[in-house]
Amino acid sequence: MNKQFLYGDIGGTKTILQMAEIKHGEIHQQFTQHYESQAFATFSDLLKDFLACAETTCSPLSACFAVAGPIVAQQATLTNLPWQIHSDDIARQFSITTVKLINDFEAAALAVEALSSDDLITLQTGDIHEQAMRVVLGAGTGMGVAWLTWLNDRYYAFATEAGHMDFAPTNELQIRLLETLHHKFGHVSVERLLSGSGLTSIFNFLQSNHEKPSDLLATQLKEDSGATITTLAQIHNHPTAIQSLNVFAEIYGAYAGNLVLAGLCRGGVYIAGGIAPRIIHVLKSGNFMRAFCDKGRFSSLMHEIPVHIITNPEISLLGAKREALYLLTNQN
């Protein structure tokens, strides 16, 4: 008997859903749909549309959805949408045997084992230890972090809120940056620096500390102008934008190194998120890895840790697929 399963990547702006089937022991992708999330009042309305378009004759046996936000007791509330999603409600409404919600970075972590060399850019080859702890992190709208731990013959992903750890400056410029942001926000988390809005904060700080701001852009940028700063650096060679990306890379590398020490991640570091693929040349230029390895007595250990950038834009969808398949194959 053919077995269908469903999975998706749910975001405040866009949602991707896919249906797949196990047929004669092989997985066949059946149907994919991309949606503007805000076009639907509820996730149930969106899922109803998907299943109608898929023209499936029976309900999927399992489903997993990666959600951009925290999951509490299998419930999720999206930050930028009035959607409230509960796995039990979805299972009951659509007659799906097993439904699971996971955080989008938990999903990204679950996808690591399915990545090919074409999905990765290696910053440091290192010396990988099989079945050792791994960490997946990524700056985008915020800073996402998930751990991968080997248990019972497979990797399990654990979502975290490690992006809200305190920012720890490593030089005089970063100390002044911290003081500026502390005056504005009070508590300064890593996410205040390692995100689109964080890159903007770095840029505005550097602009305000220049005696003669560049004629190209003398005014400060709006809160989340990370894409603009990247364009200014890459296309216009804007000096403050270039410096901002270098400072961003330094902070990013130091933070990634801290996570490695916290989890002793000899299985490797995997950098996901929307920003890294757009600034690969900056991350490869040296500041990131210098800061990553600059851990005093543990610097030699840091040179042994594999570090990769994930370039696959559908990493969370791939992780949700793997989890939906796992749920299906482990049903009683």
Protein backbone atom coordinates (compact mmCIF):
# COMPACT_ATOMS: atom_id res chain seq x y z
CA MET A 1 0.00 0.00 0.00
CA ASN A 2 1.29 3.49 -0.88
CA LYS A 3 1.79 5.80 2.08
CA GLN A 4 1.53 9.57 1.81
CA PHE A 5 3.12 12.13 4.12
CA LEU A 6 2.96 15.91 4.29
CA TYR A 7 5.47 18.55 5.35
CA GLY A 8 6.00 22.28 5.15
CA ASP A 9 7.95 25.39 6.06
CA ILE A 10 5.64 27.98 7.63
CA GLY A 11 6.76 31.60 7.78
CA GLY A 12 5.17 34.94 8.49
CA THR A 13 5.60 35.94 4.84
CA LYS A 14 5.71 32.72 2.82
CA THR A 15 4.69 29.11 3.35
CA ILE A 16 5.79 26.08 1.31
CA LEU A 17 3.92 22.78 1.55
CA GLN A 18 4.78 19.46 -0.11
CA MET A 19 3.18 16.05 -0.34
CA ALA A 20 5.24 12.91 -0.87
CA GLU A 21 4.53 9.20 -1.12
CA ILE A 22 6.38 6.00 -0.34
CA LYS A 23 5.82 3.73 -3.33
CA HIS A 24 7.54 0.37 -3.74
CA GLY A 25 10.00 1.41 -1.02
CA GLU A 26 10.98 4.66 -2.74
CA ILE A 27 10.02 8.25 -1.94
CA HIS A 28 8.22 10.18 -4.68
CA GLN A 29 7.44 13.87 -4.33
CA GLN A 30 3.88 14.38 -5.51
CA PHE A 31 2.85 18.00 -5.10
CA THR A 32 4.33 21.35 -4.05
CA GLN A 33 2.62 24.67 -3.44
CA HIS A 34 4.01 28.10 -2.50
CA TYR A 35 1.75 30.51 -0.63
CA GLU A 36 1.71 34.10 0.57
CA SER A 37 0.93 33.41 4.22
CA GLN A 38 -1.01 36.62 4.82
CA ALA A 39 -3.53 35.67 2.12
CA PHE A 40 -5.12 33.21 4.60
CA ALA A 41 -6.87 33.94 7.89
CA THR A 42 -5.66 30.67 9.45
CA PHE A 43 -3.18 27.92 8.70
CA SER A 44 -6.10 25.49 8.50
CA ASP A 45 -7.52 27.51 5.60
CA LEU A 46 -4.19 27.32 3.81
CA LEU A 47 -3.82 23.58 4.42
CA LYS A 48 -7.38 22.97 3.21
CA ASP A 49 -6.53 24.75 -0.04
CA PHE A 50 -3.34 22.71 -0.43
CA LEU A 51 -5.06 19.36 0.04
CA ALA A 52 -7.80 20.36 -2.41
CA CYS A 53 -5.21 21.37 -5.02
CA ALA A 54 -3.24 18.17 -4.42
CA GLU A 55 -6.39 16.19 -5.24
CA THR A 56 -5.40 13.48 -2.81
CA THR A 57 -7.89 10.64 -2.41
CA CYS A 58 -6.90 9.87 1.17
CA SER A 59 -5.44 11.73 4.13
CA PRO A 60 -1.67 11.71 4.70
CA LEU A 61 -0.54 9.37 7.45
CA SER A 62 1.95 11.84 8.94
CA ALA A 63 2.79 15.53 8.77
CA CYS A 64 5.53 17.78 10.08
CA PHE A 65 5.60 21.57 9.85
CA ALA A 66 8.62 23.78 10.50
CA VAL A 67 7.45 27.03 12.07
CA ALA A 68 9.35 30.31 12.37
CA GLY A 69 8.87 30.69 16.12
CA PRO A 70 8.93 28.81 19.42
CA ILE A 71 6.89 25.63 19.86
CA VAL A 72 5.32 25.11 23.30
CA ALA A 73 3.34 21.93 24.01
CA GLN A 74 2.93 21.41 20.25
CA GLN A 75 1.37 24.85 19.85
CA ALA A 76 2.77 27.74 17.85
CA THR A 77 1.84 31.39 17.47
CA LEU A 78 3.50 33.15 14.55
CA THR A 79 5.08 36.51 15.31
CA ASN A 80 3.85 38.34 12.20
CA LEU A 81 0.52 36.57 11.72
CA PRO A 82 -2.58 35.99 13.86
CA TRP A 83 -2.24 32.25 13.23
CA GLN A 84 -2.36 29.83 16.16
CA ILE A 85 -1.40 26.30 15.19
CA HIS A 86 -1.94 23.21 17.36
CA SER A 87 -0.79 19.81 16.13
CA ASP A 88 -3.75 17.98 17.71
CA ASP A 89 -6.24 20.32 16.03
CA ILE A 90 -4.60 19.77 12.64
CA ALA A 91 -4.56 16.00 13.13
CA ARG A 92 -8.24 15.94 14.09
CA GLN A 93 -9.49 18.37 11.43
CA PHE A 94 -7.66 16.68 8.53
CA SER A 95 -7.67 13.08 9.80
CA ILE A 96 -3.87 12.83 9.84
CA THR A 97 -2.61 10.09 12.13
CA THR A 98 0.50 11.91 13.40
CA VAL A 99 1.21 15.65 13.23
CA LYS A 100 4.27 17.39 14.67
CA LEU A 101 5.33 21.04 14.84
CA ILE A 102 9.02 21.88 15.04
CA ASN A 103 10.97 25.12 15.16
CA ASP A 104 12.47 26.16 11.81
CA PHE A 105 16.03 25.87 13.12
CA GLU A 106 15.26 22.50 14.65
CA ALA A 107 14.18 21.55 11.11
CA ALA A 108 17.38 22.98 9.64
CA ALA A 109 19.39 20.86 12.07
CA LEU A 110 17.46 17.71 11.12
CA ALA A 111 18.32 18.32 7.47
CA VAL A 112 22.10 18.39 7.98
CA GLU A 113 22.57 14.67 7.34
CA ALA A 114 20.70 14.94 4.04
CA LEU A 115 22.88 17.73 2.64
CA SER A 116 25.23 17.09 -0.25
CA SER A 117 28.54 18.79 -0.92
CA ASP A 118 26.68 21.08 -3.34
CA ASP A 119 24.67 22.44 -0.40
CA LEU A 120 27.74 23.45 1.61
CA ILE A 121 30.62 25.90 1.43
CA THR A 122 33.40 24.89 3.80
CA LEU A 123 35.21 27.56 5.81
CA GLN A 124 37.29 25.05 7.77
CA THR A 125 37.65 21.35 6.99
CA GLY A 126 38.69 20.44 10.51
CA ASP A 127 38.64 16.89 11.81
CA ILE A 128 35.06 15.65 12.15
CA HIS A 129 34.21 13.20 14.95
CA GLU A 130 31.41 10.86 13.92
CA GLN A 131 28.30 10.97 16.13
CA ALA A 132 29.68 13.97 18.04
CA MET A 133 27.61 17.02 18.96
CA ARG A 134 26.78 19.46 16.15
CA VAL A 135 25.40 22.99 16.17
CA VAL A 136 23.35 24.80 13.54
CA LEU A 137 23.05 28.58 13.77
CA GLY A 138 21.97 31.34 11.46
CA ALA A 139 21.39 35.07 11.34
CA GLY A 140 18.33 36.30 9.48
CA THR A 141 15.35 38.16 10.89
CA GLY A 142 16.71 36.93 14.23
CA MET A 143 19.41 34.50 15.37
CA GLY A 144 18.41 30.84 15.35
CA VAL A 145 20.33 28.06 17.08
CA ALA A 146 19.72 24.32 17.38
CA TRP A 147 21.82 21.47 18.76
CA LEU A 148 22.18 18.03 17.19
CA THR A 149 22.84 15.19 19.63
CA TRP A 150 23.36 11.51 18.78
CA LEU A 151 20.88 9.26 20.62
CA ASN A 152 19.61 5.76 19.84
CA ASP A 153 21.33 5.48 16.46
CA ARG A 154 20.21 8.85 15.07
CA TYR A 155 20.69 12.58 15.53
CA TYR A 156 18.01 14.41 17.50
CA ALA A 157 17.59 18.16 17.12
CA PHE A 158 16.95 20.45 20.07
CA ALA A 159 15.62 23.95 19.53
CA THR A 160 17.06 26.75 21.68
CA GLU A 161 16.74 30.47 22.33
CA ALA A 162 20.52 30.86 22.39
CA GLY A 163 20.24 33.91 20.16
CA HIS A 164 19.13 35.80 23.26
CA MET A 165 22.37 35.16 25.14
CA ASP A 166 24.24 38.30 26.21
CA PHE A 167 26.46 39.86 23.56
CA ALA A 168 30.12 39.60 24.61
CA PRO A 169 32.40 42.20 22.93
CA THR A 170 35.97 41.13 22.14
CA ASN A 171 37.69 44.45 21.35
CA GLU A 172 37.47 48.18 22.07
CA LEU A 173 35.24 48.97 19.08
CA GLN A 174 32.78 46.26 20.10
CA ILE A 175 32.81 47.54 23.69
CA ARG A 176 31.76 51.00 22.46
CA LEU A 177 29.13 49.35 20.27
CA LEU A 178 27.78 47.47 23.30
CA GLU A 179 27.66 50.69 25.34
CA THR A 180 25.70 52.44 22.58
CA LEU A 181 23.16 49.62 22.28
CA HIS A 182 22.92 49.20 26.06
CA HIS A 183 21.97 52.88 26.33
CA LYS A 184 19.24 52.29 23.73
CA PHE A 185 17.91 48.85 24.68
CA GLY A 186 19.16 47.97 28.16
CA HIS A 187 19.81 44.27 27.69
CA VAL A 188 21.86 43.58 24.55
CA SER A 189 21.51 40.05 23.20
CA VAL A 190 23.54 38.41 20.46
CA GLU A 191 20.49 38.80 18.22
CA ARG A 192 20.76 42.58 18.57
CA LEU A 193 23.96 42.30 16.49
CA LEU A 194 23.55 39.10 14.48
CA SER A 195 20.40 39.77 12.44
CA GLY A 196 19.27 42.10 9.69
CA SER A 197 18.43 44.78 12.23
CA GLY A 198 21.71 44.01 14.02
CA LEU A 199 23.73 44.71 10.90
CA THR A 200 21.82 47.99 10.63
CA SER A 201 22.71 48.85 14.24
CA ILE A 202 26.38 48.20 13.50
CA PHE A 203 26.23 50.41 10.39
CA ASN A 204 24.48 53.28 12.17
CA PHE A 205 26.95 53.08 15.06
CA LEU A 206 29.92 53.28 12.70
CA GLN A 207 28.33 56.12 10.71
CA SER A 208 27.74 58.16 13.86
CA ASN A 209 31.38 57.67 14.89
CA HIS A 210 32.80 58.93 11.59
CA GLU A 211 33.84 62.57 11.61
CA LYS A 212 32.83 62.95 7.96
CA PRO A 213 30.18 60.44 6.89
CA SER A 214 30.32 59.34 3.26
CA ASP A 215 28.46 61.58 0.80
CA LEU A 216 26.83 58.43 -0.58
CA LEU A 217 24.83 57.91 2.61
CA ALA A 218 25.26 60.43 5.40
CA THR A 219 21.95 59.66 7.14
CA GLN A 220 21.26 56.63 9.32
CA LEU A 221 19.32 53.66 7.96
CA LYS A 222 15.98 52.33 9.13
CA GLU A 223 15.82 49.46 11.63
CA ASP A 224 16.18 46.44 9.29
CA SER A 225 18.27 47.51 6.30
CA GLY A 226 20.66 44.56 6.15
CA ALA A 227 20.05 43.97 2.44
CA THR A 228 20.70 47.64 1.69
CA ILE A 229 23.99 47.56 3.60
CA THR A 230 25.09 44.45 1.72
CA THR A 231 24.31 46.16 -1.59
CA LEU A 232 26.16 49.31 -0.52
CA ALA A 233 29.23 47.22 0.31
CA GLN A 234 29.19 44.90 -2.70
CA ILE A 235 28.03 47.28 -5.45
CA HIS A 236 29.02 50.74 -4.27
CA ASN A 237 32.10 49.93 -2.17
CA HIS A 238 30.66 52.08 0.61
CA PRO A 239 33.41 52.17 3.28
CA THR A 240 31.09 52.09 6.30
CA ALA A 241 29.03 49.26 4.79
CA ILE A 242 32.21 47.26 4.15
CA GLN A 243 33.41 47.86 7.70
CA SER A 244 29.96 46.92 9.04
CA LEU A 245 30.08 43.53 7.31
CA ASN A 246 33.58 42.91 8.65
CA VAL A 247 32.50 43.74 12.22
CA PHE A 248 29.39 41.58 11.73
CA ALA A 249 31.59 38.66 10.59
CA GLU A 250 33.89 39.10 13.60
CA ILE A 251 30.99 39.00 16.06
CA TYR A 252 29.43 36.07 14.17
CA GLY A 253 32.64 34.03 14.30
CA ALA A 254 33.24 34.68 17.99
CA TYR A 255 29.67 33.68 18.84
CA ALA A 256 29.83 30.50 16.74
CA GLY A 257 33.04 29.61 18.58
CA ASN A 258 31.33 30.14 21.93
CA LEU A 259 28.57 27.72 20.93
CA VAL A 260 31.19 25.14 19.95
CA LEU A 261 32.78 25.40 23.39
CA ALA A 262 29.38 25.23 25.11
CA GLY A 263 28.46 21.99 23.32
CA LEU A 264 31.94 20.66 22.49
CA CYS A 265 30.70 20.39 18.90
CA ARG A 266 33.33 18.14 17.32
CA GLY A 267 30.67 17.07 14.82
CA GLY A 268 30.83 20.46 13.18
CA VAL A 269 29.26 23.89 12.84
CA TYR A 270 26.60 24.54 10.18
CA ILE A 271 25.74 28.15 9.40
CA ALA A 272 22.26 28.63 7.95
CA GLY A 273 19.96 31.66 7.85
CA GLY A 274 19.25 34.21 5.18
CA ILE A 275 22.31 36.44 5.58
CA ALA A 276 25.27 34.03 5.32
CA PRO A 277 24.73 32.95 1.67
CA ARG A 278 24.64 36.62 0.62
CA ILE A 279 27.94 37.53 2.31
CA ILE A 280 29.98 34.38 1.67
CA HIS A 281 32.95 36.39 0.44
CA VAL A 282 32.99 38.31 3.75
CA LEU A 283 32.77 35.15 5.85
CA LYS A 284 35.58 33.59 3.79
CA SER A 285 37.82 36.66 4.00
CA GLY A 286 39.27 35.74 7.38
CA ASN A 287 37.60 37.79 10.12
CA PHE A 288 34.99 35.13 10.84
CA MET A 289 37.43 32.25 11.28
CA ARG A 290 40.00 34.35 13.16
CA ALA A 291 37.36 35.30 15.72
CA PHE A 292 36.03 31.73 15.77
CA CYS A 293 39.44 30.27 16.63
CA ASP A 294 40.55 33.06 18.99
CA LYS A 295 39.71 31.19 22.21
CA GLY A 296 42.96 31.42 24.16
CA ARG A 297 44.07 28.04 25.49
CA PHE A 298 41.42 26.31 23.36
CA SER A 299 42.47 27.87 20.05
CA SER A 300 44.10 24.63 18.90
CA LEU A 301 40.84 22.76 19.49
CA MET A 302 38.92 25.37 17.48
CA HIS A 303 41.14 24.70 14.44
CA GLU A 304 39.92 21.07 14.53
CA ILE A 305 36.20 21.94 14.24
CA PRO A 306 34.60 21.61 10.77
CA VAL A 307 32.74 24.81 9.79
CA HIS A 308 30.30 24.97 6.86
CA ILE A 309 27.88 27.48 5.36
CA ILE A 310 24.57 25.95 4.22
CA THR A 311 23.55 27.35 0.83
CA ASN A 312 20.38 25.28 0.30
CA PRO A 313 17.50 27.81 0.67
CA GLU A 314 14.98 25.07 1.51
CA ILE A 315 16.88 23.62 4.46
CA SER A 316 13.92 23.87 6.89
CA LEU A 317 11.58 22.22 4.39
CA LEU A 318 14.07 19.38 3.97
CA GLY A 319 14.25 18.91 7.74
CA ALA A 320 10.46 18.83 8.03
CA LYS A 321 10.39 16.20 5.29
CA ARG A 322 12.87 13.99 7.14
CA GLU A 323 10.88 14.27 10.37
CA ALA A 324 7.54 13.55 8.65
CA LEU A 325 9.11 10.46 7.07
CA TYR A 326 10.50 9.37 10.45
CA LEU A 327 7.04 9.77 12.02
CA LEU A 328 5.51 7.69 9.24
CA THR A 329 8.02 4.84 9.39
CA ASN A 330 7.74 4.62 13.18
CA GLN A 331 3.96 4.46 13.43
CA ASN A 332 2.60 1.37 15.16
